[in-house]
Amino acid sequence: MAVAPDGVTSEDRTLGMLCHLLGIFTGFLGPLILWLVKKDSSRFVDHHGREALNFQITLLLLMLSLAGLTFALMIVLVGVLLIPVLVAVPILALVAEILAAVAASDGKWHRYPCCLRLV
């Protein structure tokens, strides 16, 4: 197992990257399971698992509240103006997740901006 000068192994980088990529396909469940299984074996995987999990929970809360607000405001026809925001948030989240996965793959300690730190 190759160890980088900063002590992060290639397996750690792969698992850190996987934490972020699983979030794209499974929401918070993939990062949660991977983090619970590997958090004690590596500080790097613990960090990226927490970041991915926090981001997915934040994204879930944001999408649920934004969708509820949009549909509630549809009654007075103002909700139509929020539809582009409702579409843009998942696209921006995808970009943020890919950037985090690339950072983890490079062995960097990445933090999501504007994310609730719940875990």
PDB file of N, CA and C in Angstrom:
ATOM      1  N   MET A   1       0.853  -1.166   0.000  1.00  0.00           N
ATOM      2  CA  MET A   1       0.000   0.000   0.000  1.00  0.00           C
ATOM      3  C   MET A   1       0.902   1.233   0.000  1.00  0.00           C
ATOM      4  N   ALA A   2       0.727   2.087  -0.998  1.00  0.00           N
ATOM      5  CA  ALA A   2       1.546   3.284  -1.121  1.00  0.00           C
ATOM      6  C   ALA A   2       1.065   4.354  -0.144  1.00  0.00           C
ATOM      7  N   VAL A   3       2.019   4.908   0.591  1.00  0.00           N
ATOM      8  CA  VAL A   3       1.701   5.959   1.550  1.00  0.00           C
ATOM      9  C   VAL A   3       2.321   7.258   1.058  1.00  0.00           C
ATOM     10  N   ALA A   4       1.514   8.279   0.932  1.00  0.00           N
ATOM     11  CA  ALA A   4       1.995   9.591   0.510  1.00  0.00           C
ATOM     12  C   ALA A   4       2.775  10.231   1.658  1.00  0.00           C
ATOM     13  N   PRO A   5       3.577  11.272   1.368  1.00  0.00           N
ATOM     14  CA  PRO A   5       4.334  11.937   2.438  1.00  0.00           C
ATOM     15  C   PRO A   5       3.461  12.461   3.585  1.00  0.00           C
ATOM     16  N   ASP A   6       2.215  12.775   3.304  1.00  0.00           N
ATOM     17  CA  ASP A   6       1.338  13.283   4.367  1.00  0.00           C
ATOM     18  C   ASP A   6       0.655  12.157   5.151  1.00  0.00           C
ATOM     19  N   GLY A   7       0.979  10.901   4.850  1.00  0.00           N
ATOM     20  CA  GLY A   7       0.442   9.772   5.596  1.00  0.00           C
ATOM     21  C   GLY A   7      -0.880   9.235   5.083  1.00  0.00           C
ATOM     22  N   VAL A   8      -1.385   9.744   3.972  1.00  0.00           N
ATOM     23  CA  VAL A   8      -2.654   9.289   3.408  1.00  0.00           C
ATOM     24  C   VAL A   8      -2.359   8.201   2.384  1.00  0.00           C
ATOM     25  N   THR A   9      -2.914   7.022   2.588  1.00  0.00           N
ATOM     26  CA  THR A   9      -2.673   5.907   1.663  1.00  0.00           C
ATOM     27  C   THR A   9      -3.572   6.027   0.442  1.00  0.00           C
ATOM     28  N   SER A  10      -3.244   5.264  -0.578  1.00  0.00           N
ATOM     29  CA  SER A  10      -4.070   5.280  -1.791  1.00  0.00           C
ATOM     30  C   SER A  10      -5.454   4.698  -1.501  1.00  0.00           C
ATOM     31  N   GLU A  11      -5.527   3.742  -0.569  1.00  0.00           N
ATOM     32  CA  GLU A  11      -6.835   3.197  -0.187  1.00  0.00           C
ATOM     33  C   GLU A  11      -7.684   4.264   0.514  1.00  0.00           C
ATOM     34  N   ASP A  12      -7.041   5.063   1.359  1.00  0.00           N
ATOM     35  CA  ASP A  12      -7.751   6.150   2.036  1.00  0.00           C
ATOM     36  C   ASP A  12      -8.282   7.153   1.025  1.00  0.00           C
ATOM     37  N   ARG A  13      -7.463   7.496   0.045  1.00  0.00           N
ATOM     38  CA  ARG A  13      -7.903   8.452  -0.980  1.00  0.00           C
ATOM     39  C   ARG A  13      -9.080   7.891  -1.769  1.00  0.00           C
ATOM     40  N   THR A  14      -9.008   6.610  -2.097  1.00  0.00           N
ATOM     41  CA  THR A  14     -10.098   5.978  -2.845  1.00  0.00           C
ATOM     42  C   THR A  14     -11.385   5.945  -2.020  1.00  0.00           C
ATOM     43  N   LEU A  15     -11.281   5.591  -0.757  1.00  0.00           N
ATOM     44  CA  LEU A  15     -12.468   5.541   0.101  1.00  0.00           C
ATOM     45  C   LEU A  15     -13.028   6.941   0.352  1.00  0.00           C
ATOM     46  N   GLY A  16     -12.154   7.928   0.508  1.00  0.00           N
ATOM     47  CA  GLY A  16     -12.613   9.307   0.667  1.00  0.00           C
ATOM     48  C   GLY A  16     -13.370   9.781  -0.560  1.00  0.00           C
ATOM     49  N   MET A  17     -12.835   9.446  -1.736  1.00  0.00           N
ATOM     50  CA  MET A  17     -13.502   9.809  -2.980  1.00  0.00           C
ATOM     51  C   MET A  17     -14.843   9.081  -3.090  1.00  0.00           C
ATOM     52  N   LEU A  18     -14.867   7.827  -2.699  1.00  0.00           N
ATOM     53  CA  LEU A  18     -16.088   7.034  -2.772  1.00  0.00           C
ATOM     54  C   LEU A  18     -17.179   7.586  -1.860  1.00  0.00           C
ATOM     55  N   CYS A  19     -16.797   8.149  -0.720  1.00  0.00           N
ATOM     56  CA  CYS A  19     -17.781   8.771   0.173  1.00  0.00           C
ATOM     57  C   CYS A  19     -18.573   9.846  -0.567  1.00  0.00           C
ATOM     58  N   HIS A  20     -17.871  10.674  -1.319  1.00  0.00           N
ATOM     59  CA  HIS A  20     -18.537  11.760  -2.034  1.00  0.00           C
ATOM     60  C   HIS A  20     -19.321  11.245  -3.242  1.00  0.00           C
ATOM     61  N   LEU A  21     -18.761  10.294  -3.964  1.00  0.00           N
ATOM     62  CA  LEU A  21     -19.444   9.782  -5.160  1.00  0.00           C
ATOM     63  C   LEU A  21     -20.686   8.970  -4.803  1.00  0.00           C
ATOM     64  N   LEU A  22     -20.644   8.252  -3.700  1.00  0.00           N
ATOM     65  CA  LEU A  22     -21.835   7.502  -3.276  1.00  0.00           C
ATOM     66  C   LEU A  22     -22.996   8.441  -2.962  1.00  0.00           C
ATOM     67  N   GLY A  23     -22.678   9.633  -2.475  1.00  0.00           N
ATOM     68  CA  GLY A  23     -23.720  10.611  -2.182  1.00  0.00           C
ATOM     69  C   GLY A  23     -24.514  11.002  -3.414  1.00  0.00           C
ATOM     70  N   ILE A  24     -23.871  10.993  -4.569  1.00  0.00           N
ATOM     71  CA  ILE A  24     -24.559  11.348  -5.814  1.00  0.00           C
ATOM     72  C   ILE A  24     -25.653  10.335  -6.126  1.00  0.00           C
ATOM     73  N   PHE A  25     -25.363   9.072  -5.882  1.00  0.00           N
ATOM     74  CA  PHE A  25     -26.286   8.012  -6.287  1.00  0.00           C
ATOM     75  C   PHE A  25     -27.207   7.519  -5.176  1.00  0.00           C
ATOM     76  N   THR A  26     -26.780   7.660  -3.917  1.00  0.00           N
ATOM     77  CA  THR A  26     -27.577   7.073  -2.834  1.00  0.00           C
ATOM     78  C   THR A  26     -28.055   8.091  -1.808  1.00  0.00           C
ATOM     79  N   GLY A  27     -27.771   9.363  -2.029  1.00  0.00           N
ATOM     80  CA  GLY A  27     -28.140  10.361  -1.037  1.00  0.00           C
ATOM     81  C   GLY A  27     -27.262  10.216   0.188  1.00  0.00           C
ATOM     82  N   PHE A  28     -27.836  10.270   1.372  1.00  0.00           N
ATOM     83  CA  PHE A  28     -27.028  10.202   2.585  1.00  0.00           C
ATOM     84  C   PHE A  28     -26.715   8.768   3.020  1.00  0.00           C
ATOM     85  N   LEU A  29     -27.401   7.761   2.470  1.00  0.00           N
ATOM     86  CA  LEU A  29     -27.211   6.379   2.928  1.00  0.00           C
ATOM     87  C   LEU A  29     -25.827   5.828   2.604  1.00  0.00           C
ATOM     88  N   GLY A  30     -25.343   6.049   1.390  1.00  0.00           N
ATOM     89  CA  GLY A  30     -24.026   5.545   0.992  1.00  0.00           C
ATOM     90  C   GLY A  30     -22.909   6.112   1.847  1.00  0.00           C
ATOM     91  N   PRO A  31     -22.820   7.461   1.954  1.00  0.00           N
ATOM     92  CA  PRO A  31     -21.779   8.022   2.823  1.00  0.00           C
ATOM     93  C   PRO A  31     -21.923   7.599   4.282  1.00  0.00           C
ATOM     94  N   LEU A  32     -23.158   7.457   4.758  1.00  0.00           N
ATOM     95  CA  LEU A  32     -23.381   7.047   6.141  1.00  0.00           C
ATOM     96  C   LEU A  32     -22.825   5.654   6.395  1.00  0.00           C
ATOM     97  N   ILE A  33     -23.140   4.715   5.523  1.00  0.00           N
ATOM     98  CA  ILE A  33     -22.672   3.333   5.711  1.00  0.00           C
ATOM     99  C   ILE A  33     -21.157   3.257   5.614  1.00  0.00           C
ATOM    100  N   LEU A  34     -20.581   3.899   4.587  1.00  0.00           N
ATOM    101  CA  LEU A  34     -19.130   3.863   4.423  1.00  0.00           C
ATOM    102  C   LEU A  34     -18.426   4.545   5.597  1.00  0.00           C
ATOM    103  N   TRP A  35     -18.970   5.645   6.051  1.00  0.00           N
ATOM    104  CA  TRP A  35     -18.368   6.351   7.180  1.00  0.00           C
ATOM    105  C   TRP A  35     -18.440   5.512   8.458  1.00  0.00           C
ATOM    106  N   LEU A  36     -19.590   4.879   8.716  1.00  0.00           N
ATOM    107  CA  LEU A  36     -19.727   4.048   9.919  1.00  0.00           C
ATOM    108  C   LEU A  36     -18.772   2.865   9.909  1.00  0.00           C
ATOM    109  N   VAL A  37     -18.527   2.307   8.732  1.00  0.00           N
ATOM    110  CA  VAL A  37     -17.652   1.142   8.630  1.00  0.00           C
ATOM    111  C   VAL A  37     -16.180   1.530   8.743  1.00  0.00           C
ATOM    112  N   LYS A  38     -15.787   2.662   8.141  1.00  0.00           N
ATOM    113  CA  LYS A  38     -14.363   2.993   8.021  1.00  0.00           C
ATOM    114  C   LYS A  38     -13.875   4.155   8.873  1.00  0.00           C
ATOM    115  N   LYS A  39     -14.734   4.774   9.672  1.00  0.00           N
ATOM    116  CA  LYS A  39     -14.334   5.984  10.399  1.00  0.00           C
ATOM    117  C   LYS A  39     -13.220   5.747  11.413  1.00  0.00           C
ATOM    118  N   ASP A  40     -13.126   4.570  11.977  1.00  0.00           N
ATOM    119  CA  ASP A  40     -12.110   4.295  12.984  1.00  0.00           C
ATOM    120  C   ASP A  40     -10.771   3.867  12.392  1.00  0.00           C
ATOM    121  N   SER A  41     -10.760   3.520  11.114  1.00  0.00           N
ATOM    122  CA  SER A  41      -9.519   3.020  10.523  1.00  0.00           C
ATOM    123  C   SER A  41      -8.654   4.127   9.921  1.00  0.00           C
ATOM    124  N   SER A  42      -9.237   5.303   9.636  1.00  0.00           N
ATOM    125  CA  SER A  42      -8.460   6.360   8.997  1.00  0.00           C
ATOM    126  C   SER A  42      -9.074   7.724   9.306  1.00  0.00           C
ATOM    127  N   ARG A  43      -8.232   8.664   9.724  1.00  0.00           N
ATOM    128  CA  ARG A  43      -8.711  10.037   9.966  1.00  0.00           C
ATOM    129  C   ARG A  43      -9.168  10.683   8.660  1.00  0.00           C
ATOM    130  N   PHE A  44      -8.497  10.355   7.557  1.00  0.00           N
ATOM    131  CA  PHE A  44      -8.826  10.934   6.263  1.00  0.00           C
ATOM    132  C   PHE A  44     -10.220  10.485   5.807  1.00  0.00           C
ATOM    133  N   VAL A  45     -10.495   9.208   5.921  1.00  0.00           N
ATOM    134  CA  VAL A  45     -11.809   8.673   5.546  1.00  0.00           C
ATOM    135  C   VAL A  45     -12.872   9.177   6.515  1.00  0.00           C
ATOM    136  N   ASP A  46     -12.538   9.297   7.783  1.00  0.00           N
ATOM    137  CA  ASP A  46     -13.471   9.851   8.767  1.00  0.00           C
ATOM    138  C   ASP A  46     -13.850  11.280   8.372  1.00  0.00           C
ATOM    139  N   HIS A  47     -12.861  12.085   8.017  1.00  0.00           N
ATOM    140  CA  HIS A  47     -13.118  13.476   7.628  1.00  0.00           C
ATOM    141  C   HIS A  47     -14.011  13.550   6.387  1.00  0.00           C
ATOM    142  N   HIS A  48     -13.652  12.828   5.343  1.00  0.00           N
ATOM    143  CA  HIS A  48     -14.426  12.896   4.098  1.00  0.00           C
ATOM    144  C   HIS A  48     -15.802  12.253   4.243  1.00  0.00           C
ATOM    145  N   GLY A  49     -15.901  11.213   5.055  1.00  0.00           N
ATOM    146  CA  GLY A  49     -17.211  10.617   5.317  1.00  0.00           C
ATOM    147  C   GLY A  49     -18.131  11.590   6.038  1.00  0.00           C
ATOM    148  N   ARG A  50     -17.590  12.282   7.040  1.00  0.00           N
ATOM    149  CA  ARG A  50     -18.379  13.289   7.760  1.00  0.00           C
ATOM    150  C   ARG A  50     -18.810  14.416   6.823  1.00  0.00           C
ATOM    151  N   GLU A  51     -17.875  14.888   6.012  1.00  0.00           N
ATOM    152  CA  GLU A  51     -18.184  15.984   5.096  1.00  0.00           C
ATOM    153  C   GLU A  51     -19.277  15.569   4.103  1.00  0.00           C
ATOM    154  N   ALA A  52     -19.132  14.384   3.523  1.00  0.00           N
ATOM    155  CA  ALA A  52     -20.121  13.914   2.550  1.00  0.00           C
ATOM    156  C   ALA A  52     -21.480  13.721   3.214  1.00  0.00           C
ATOM    157  N   LEU A  53     -21.486  13.152   4.399  1.00  0.00           N
ATOM    158  CA  LEU A  53     -22.738  12.923   5.124  1.00  0.00           C
ATOM    159  C   LEU A  53     -23.406  14.239   5.506  1.00  0.00           C
ATOM    160  N   ASN A  54     -22.633  15.173   6.035  1.00  0.00           N
ATOM    161  CA  ASN A  54     -23.186  16.490   6.376  1.00  0.00           C
ATOM    162  C   ASN A  54     -23.735  17.202   5.151  1.00  0.00           C
ATOM    163  N   PHE A  55     -23.022  17.109   4.038  1.00  0.00           N
ATOM    164  CA  PHE A  55     -23.490  17.766   2.820  1.00  0.00           C
ATOM    165  C   PHE A  55     -24.791  17.137   2.331  1.00  0.00           C
ATOM    166  N   GLN A  56     -24.881  15.825   2.363  1.00  0.00           N
ATOM    167  CA  GLN A  56     -26.093  15.153   1.894  1.00  0.00           C
ATOM    168  C   GLN A  56     -27.289  15.474   2.790  1.00  0.00           C
ATOM    169  N   ILE A  57     -27.070  15.550   4.092  1.00  0.00           N
ATOM    170  CA  ILE A  57     -28.166  15.911   5.003  1.00  0.00           C
ATOM    171  C   ILE A  57     -28.592  17.351   4.756  1.00  0.00           C
ATOM    172  N   THR A  58     -27.618  18.248   4.597  1.00  0.00           N
ATOM    173  CA  THR A  58     -27.925  19.649   4.297  1.00  0.00           C
ATOM    174  C   THR A  58     -28.700  19.764   2.997  1.00  0.00           C
ATOM    175  N   LEU A  59     -28.259  19.029   1.985  1.00  0.00           N
ATOM    176  CA  LEU A  59     -28.930  19.057   0.684  1.00  0.00           C
ATOM    177  C   LEU A  59     -30.357  18.524   0.782  1.00  0.00           C
ATOM    178  N   LEU A  60     -30.554  17.457   1.531  1.00  0.00           N
ATOM    179  CA  LEU A  60     -31.895  16.903   1.725  1.00  0.00           C
ATOM    180  C   LEU A  60     -32.820  17.908   2.398  1.00  0.00           C
ATOM    181  N   LEU A  61     -32.333  18.533   3.464  1.00  0.00           N
ATOM    182  CA  LEU A  61     -33.152  19.531   4.167  1.00  0.00           C
ATOM    183  C   LEU A  61     -33.461  20.724   3.268  1.00  0.00           C
ATOM    184  N   LEU A  62     -32.483  21.167   2.513  1.00  0.00           N
ATOM    185  CA  LEU A  62     -32.681  22.298   1.611  1.00  0.00           C
ATOM    186  C   LEU A  62     -33.703  21.968   0.522  1.00  0.00           C
ATOM    187  N   MET A  63     -33.581  20.799  -0.088  1.00  0.00           N
ATOM    188  CA  MET A  63     -34.500  20.427  -1.166  1.00  0.00           C
ATOM    189  C   MET A  63     -35.926  20.234  -0.652  1.00  0.00           C
ATOM    190  N   LEU A  64     -36.062  19.621   0.520  1.00  0.00           N
ATOM    191  CA  LEU A  64     -37.409  19.432   1.075  1.00  0.00           C
ATOM    192  C   LEU A  64     -38.068  20.766   1.407  1.00  0.00           C
ATOM    193  N   SER A  65     -37.318  21.659   2.034  1.00  0.00           N
ATOM    194  CA  SER A  65     -37.905  22.958   2.387  1.00  0.00           C
ATOM    195  C   SER A  65     -38.159  23.811   1.149  1.00  0.00           C
ATOM    196  N   LEU A  66     -37.255  23.765   0.188  1.00  0.00           N
ATOM    197  CA  LEU A  66     -37.439  24.544  -1.033  1.00  0.00           C
ATOM    198  C   LEU A  66     -38.616  24.019  -1.856  1.00  0.00           C
ATOM    199  N   ALA A  67     -38.745  22.700  -1.940  1.00  0.00           N
ATOM    200  CA  ALA A  67     -39.878  22.129  -2.673  1.00  0.00           C
ATOM    201  C   ALA A  67     -41.192  22.455  -1.983  1.00  0.00           C
ATOM    202  N   GLY A  68     -41.219  22.352  -0.674  1.00  0.00           N
ATOM    203  CA  GLY A  68     -42.439  22.690   0.065  1.00  0.00           C
ATOM    204  C   GLY A  68     -42.819  24.143  -0.106  1.00  0.00           C
ATOM    205  N   LEU A  69     -41.830  25.018  -0.030  1.00  0.00           N
ATOM    206  CA  LEU A  69     -42.086  26.442  -0.216  1.00  0.00           C
ATOM    207  C   LEU A  69     -42.572  26.742  -1.628  1.00  0.00           C
ATOM    208  N   THR A  70     -41.943  26.116  -2.603  1.00  0.00           N
ATOM    209  CA  THR A  70     -42.338  26.332  -3.996  1.00  0.00           C
ATOM    210  C   THR A  70     -43.778  25.906  -4.229  1.00  0.00           C
ATOM    211  N   PHE A  71     -44.119  24.712  -3.776  1.00  0.00           N
ATOM    212  CA  PHE A  71     -45.479  24.231  -4.006  1.00  0.00           C
ATOM    213  C   PHE A  71     -46.510  25.010  -3.202  1.00  0.00           C
ATOM    214  N   ALA A  72     -46.142  25.446  -2.007  1.00  0.00           N
ATOM    215  CA  ALA A  72     -47.068  26.253  -1.214  1.00  0.00           C
ATOM    216  C   ALA A  72     -47.324  27.602  -1.887  1.00  0.00           C
ATOM    217  N   LEU A  73     -46.283  28.176  -2.463  1.00  0.00           N
ATOM    218  CA  LEU A  73     -46.436  29.475  -3.122  1.00  0.00           C
ATOM    219  C   LEU A  73     -47.050  29.373  -4.522  1.00  0.00           C
ATOM    220  N   MET A  74     -47.220  28.163  -5.025  1.00  0.00           N
ATOM    221  CA  MET A  74     -47.889  27.987  -6.316  1.00  0.00           C
ATOM    222  C   MET A  74     -49.347  28.438  -6.241  1.00  0.00           C
ATOM    223  N   ILE A  75     -49.901  28.416  -5.047  1.00  0.00           N
ATOM    224  CA  ILE A  75     -51.295  28.831  -4.867  1.00  0.00           C
ATOM    225  C   ILE A  75     -51.480  30.280  -5.296  1.00  0.00           C
ATOM    226  N   VAL A  76     -50.491  31.117  -4.989  1.00  0.00           N
ATOM    227  CA  VAL A  76     -50.591  32.532  -5.363  1.00  0.00           C
ATOM    228  C   VAL A  76     -49.732  32.848  -6.589  1.00  0.00           C
ATOM    229  N   LEU A  77     -49.300  31.817  -7.297  1.00  0.00           N
ATOM    230  CA  LEU A  77     -48.538  31.916  -8.547  1.00  0.00           C
ATOM    231  C   LEU A  77     -47.145  32.515  -8.395  1.00  0.00           C
ATOM    232  N   VAL A  78     -46.693  32.737  -7.176  1.00  0.00           N
ATOM    233  CA  VAL A  78     -45.333  33.236  -6.958  1.00  0.00           C
ATOM    234  C   VAL A  78     -44.337  32.077  -6.973  1.00  0.00           C
ATOM    235  N   GLY A  79     -44.802  30.888  -6.664  1.00  0.00           N
ATOM    236  CA  GLY A  79     -43.944  29.708  -6.622  1.00  0.00           C
ATOM    237  C   GLY A  79     -43.308  29.380  -7.947  1.00  0.00           C
ATOM    238  N   VAL A  80     -43.910  29.821  -9.030  1.00  0.00           N
ATOM    239  CA  VAL A  80     -43.357  29.575 -10.362  1.00  0.00           C
ATOM    240  C   VAL A  80     -41.960  30.193 -10.468  1.00  0.00           C
ATOM    241  N   LEU A  81     -41.740  31.301  -9.779  1.00  0.00           N
ATOM    242  CA  LEU A  81     -40.447  31.974  -9.827  1.00  0.00           C
ATOM    243  C   LEU A  81     -39.342  31.176  -9.123  1.00  0.00           C
ATOM    244  N   LEU A  82     -39.726  30.266  -8.241  1.00  0.00           N
ATOM    245  CA  LEU A  82     -38.739  29.460  -7.515  1.00  0.00           C
ATOM    246  C   LEU A  82     -38.362  28.173  -8.240  1.00  0.00           C
ATOM    247  N   ILE A  83     -39.049  27.826  -9.302  1.00  0.00           N
ATOM    248  CA  ILE A  83     -38.749  26.584 -10.026  1.00  0.00           C
ATOM    249  C   ILE A  83     -37.317  26.560 -10.561  1.00  0.00           C
ATOM    250  N   PRO A  84     -36.791  27.661 -11.142  1.00  0.00           N
ATOM    251  CA  PRO A  84     -35.384  27.611 -11.581  1.00  0.00           C
ATOM    252  C   PRO A  84     -34.405  27.345 -10.431  1.00  0.00           C
ATOM    253  N   VAL A  85     -34.705  27.862  -9.258  1.00  0.00           N
ATOM    254  CA  VAL A  85     -33.850  27.607  -8.098  1.00  0.00           C
ATOM    255  C   VAL A  85     -33.938  26.133  -7.709  1.00  0.00           C
ATOM    256  N   LEU A  86     -35.131  25.580  -7.766  1.00  0.00           N
ATOM    257  CA  LEU A  86     -35.345  24.178  -7.440  1.00  0.00           C
ATOM    258  C   LEU A  86     -34.593  23.263  -8.401  1.00  0.00           C
ATOM    259  N   VAL A  87     -34.410  23.708  -9.626  1.00  0.00           N
ATOM    260  CA  VAL A  87     -33.661  22.931 -10.626  1.00  0.00           C
ATOM    261  C   VAL A  87     -32.158  23.153 -10.469  1.00  0.00           C
ATOM    262  N   ALA A  88     -31.756  24.364 -10.109  1.00  0.00           N
ATOM    263  CA  ALA A  88     -30.332  24.705 -10.041  1.00  0.00           C
ATOM    264  C   ALA A  88     -29.624  24.075  -8.846  1.00  0.00           C
ATOM    265  N   VAL A  89     -30.320  23.889  -7.754  1.00  0.00           N
ATOM    266  CA  VAL A  89     -29.676  23.368  -6.539  1.00  0.00           C
ATOM    267  C   VAL A  89     -29.065  21.979  -6.764  1.00  0.00           C
ATOM    268  N   PRO A  90     -29.764  21.007  -7.358  1.00  0.00           N
ATOM    269  CA  PRO A  90     -29.123  19.701  -7.581  1.00  0.00           C
ATOM    270  C   PRO A  90     -27.940  19.766  -8.546  1.00  0.00           C
ATOM    271  N   ILE A  91     -27.998  20.669  -9.509  1.00  0.00           N
ATOM    272  CA  ILE A  91     -26.882  20.812 -10.448  1.00  0.00           C
ATOM    273  C   ILE A  91     -25.653  21.355  -9.721  1.00  0.00           C
ATOM    274  N   LEU A  92     -25.854  22.375  -8.902  1.00  0.00           N
ATOM    275  CA  LEU A  92     -24.748  22.929  -8.119  1.00  0.00           C
ATOM    276  C   LEU A  92     -24.221  21.911  -7.110  1.00  0.00           C
ATOM    277  N   ALA A  93     -25.106  21.118  -6.544  1.00  0.00           N
ATOM    278  CA  ALA A  93     -24.684  20.082  -5.596  1.00  0.00           C
ATOM    279  C   ALA A  93     -23.832  19.028  -6.298  1.00  0.00           C
ATOM    280  N   LEU A  94     -24.197  18.665  -7.508  1.00  0.00           N
ATOM    281  CA  LEU A  94     -23.418  17.694  -8.281  1.00  0.00           C
ATOM    282  C   LEU A  94     -22.007  18.217  -8.534  1.00  0.00           C
ATOM    283  N   VAL A  95     -21.902  19.482  -8.894  1.00  0.00           N
ATOM    284  CA  VAL A  95     -20.591  20.089  -9.120  1.00  0.00           C
ATOM    285  C   VAL A  95     -19.772  20.073  -7.826  1.00  0.00           C
ATOM    286  N   ALA A  96     -20.395  20.432  -6.707  1.00  0.00           N
ATOM    287  CA  ALA A  96     -19.698  20.442  -5.422  1.00  0.00           C
ATOM    288  C   ALA A  96     -19.234  19.038  -5.023  1.00  0.00           C
ATOM    289  N   GLU A  97     -20.060  18.030  -5.287  1.00  0.00           N
ATOM    290  CA  GLU A  97     -19.699  16.656  -4.948  1.00  0.00           C
ATOM    291  C   GLU A  97     -18.541  16.157  -5.805  1.00  0.00           C
ATOM    292  N   ILE A  98     -18.540  16.517  -7.069  1.00  0.00           N
ATOM    293  CA  ILE A  98     -17.449  16.105  -7.950  1.00  0.00           C
ATOM    294  C   ILE A  98     -16.144  16.782  -7.531  1.00  0.00           C
ATOM    295  N   LEU A  99     -16.207  18.070  -7.207  1.00  0.00           N
ATOM    296  CA  LEU A  99     -15.012  18.771  -6.737  1.00  0.00           C
ATOM    297  C   LEU A  99     -14.467  18.151  -5.452  1.00  0.00           C
ATOM    298  N   ALA A 100     -15.361  17.770  -4.548  1.00  0.00           N
ATOM    299  CA  ALA A 100     -14.940  17.130  -3.298  1.00  0.00           C
ATOM    300  C   ALA A 100     -14.326  15.760  -3.571  1.00  0.00           C
ATOM    301  N   ALA A 101     -14.896  15.001  -4.506  1.00  0.00           N
ATOM    302  CA  ALA A 101     -14.357  13.685  -4.845  1.00  0.00           C
ATOM    303  C   ALA A 101     -12.964  13.813  -5.456  1.00  0.00           C
ATOM    304  N   VAL A 102     -12.774  14.808  -6.304  1.00  0.00           N
ATOM    305  CA  VAL A 102     -11.456  15.032  -6.910  1.00  0.00           C
ATOM    306  C   VAL A 102     -10.444  15.433  -5.835  1.00  0.00           C
ATOM    307  N   ALA A 103     -10.854  16.290  -4.903  1.00  0.00           N
ATOM    308  CA  ALA A 103      -9.957  16.693  -3.820  1.00  0.00           C
ATOM    309  C   ALA A 103      -9.566  15.485  -2.968  1.00  0.00           C
ATOM    310  N   ALA A 104     -10.524  14.631  -2.652  1.00  0.00           N
ATOM    311  CA  ALA A 104     -10.232  13.431  -1.856  1.00  0.00           C
ATOM    312  C   ALA A 104      -9.302  12.498  -2.619  1.00  0.00           C
ATOM    313  N   SER A 105      -9.520  12.392  -3.912  1.00  0.00           N
ATOM    314  CA  SER A 105      -8.674  11.545  -4.744  1.00  0.00           C
ATOM    315  C   SER A 105      -7.234  12.062  -4.780  1.00  0.00           C
ATOM    316  N   ASP A 106      -7.070  13.377  -4.673  1.00  0.00           N
ATOM    317  CA  ASP A 106      -5.738  13.989  -4.654  1.00  0.00           C
ATOM    318  C   ASP A 106      -5.117  13.986  -3.262  1.00  0.00           C
ATOM    319  N   GLY A 107      -5.844  13.491  -2.269  1.00  0.00           N
ATOM    320  CA  GLY A 107      -5.324  13.435  -0.911  1.00  0.00           C
ATOM    321  C   GLY A 107      -5.481  14.728  -0.135  1.00  0.00           C
ATOM    322  N   LYS A 108      -6.372  15.610  -0.564  1.00  0.00           N
ATOM    323  CA  LYS A 108      -6.580  16.893   0.103  1.00  0.00           C
ATOM    324  C   LYS A 108      -7.731  16.783   1.102  1.00  0.00           C
ATOM    325  N   TRP A 109      -7.654  17.587   2.145  1.00  0.00           N
ATOM    326  CA  TRP A 109      -8.689  17.639   3.183  1.00  0.00           C
ATOM    327  C   TRP A 109      -9.705  18.692   2.770  1.00  0.00           C
ATOM    328  N   HIS A 110     -10.772  18.282   2.130  1.00  0.00           N
ATOM    329  CA  HIS A 110     -11.764  19.194   1.553  1.00  0.00           C
ATOM    330  C   HIS A 110     -12.917  19.426   2.523  1.00  0.00           C
ATOM    331  N   ARG A 111     -13.432  20.668   2.528  1.00  0.00           N
ATOM    332  CA  ARG A 111     -14.645  20.992   3.293  1.00  0.00           C
ATOM    333  C   ARG A 111     -15.630  21.657   2.361  1.00  0.00           C
ATOM    334  N   TYR A 112     -16.899  21.250   2.458  1.00  0.00           N
ATOM    335  CA  TYR A 112     -17.950  21.883   1.677  1.00  0.00           C
ATOM    336  C   TYR A 112     -18.248  23.257   2.259  1.00  0.00           C
ATOM    337  N   PRO A 113     -18.398  24.269   1.409  1.00  0.00           N
ATOM    338  CA  PRO A 113     -18.846  25.567   1.922  1.00  0.00           C
ATOM    339  C   PRO A 113     -20.364  25.532   2.152  1.00  0.00           C
ATOM    340  N   CYS A 114     -20.849  26.343   3.047  1.00  0.00           N
ATOM    341  CA  CYS A 114     -22.288  26.468   3.309  1.00  0.00           C
ATOM    342  C   CYS A 114     -22.940  25.122   3.623  1.00  0.00           C
ATOM    343  N   CYS A 115     -22.387  24.428   4.559  1.00  0.00           N
ATOM    344  CA  CYS A 115     -22.887  23.095   4.913  1.00  0.00           C
ATOM    345  C   CYS A 115     -23.109  23.036   6.422  1.00  0.00           C
ATOM    346  N   LEU A 116     -24.226  22.457   6.825  1.00  0.00           N
ATOM    347  CA  LEU A 116     -24.474  22.262   8.256  1.00  0.00           C
ATOM    348  C   LEU A 116     -23.555  21.170   8.780  1.00  0.00           C
ATOM    349  N   ARG A 117     -22.919  21.408   9.886  1.00  0.00           N
ATOM    350  CA  ARG A 117     -22.025  20.415  10.494  1.00  0.00           C
ATOM    351  C   ARG A 117     -22.826  19.686  11.585  1.00  0.00           C
ATOM    352  N   LEU A 118     -23.558  18.662  11.172  1.00  0.00           N
ATOM    353  CA  LEU A 118     -24.442  17.945  12.084  1.00  0.00           C
ATOM    354  C   LEU A 118     -23.798  16.691  12.670  1.00  0.00           C
ATOM    355  N   VAL A 119     -22.873  16.118  11.941  1.00  0.00           N
ATOM    356  CA  VAL A 119     -22.228  14.862  12.380  1.00  0.00           C
ATOM    357  C   VAL A 119     -20.814  15.158  12.794  1.00  0.00           C
TER     358      VAL A 119
END
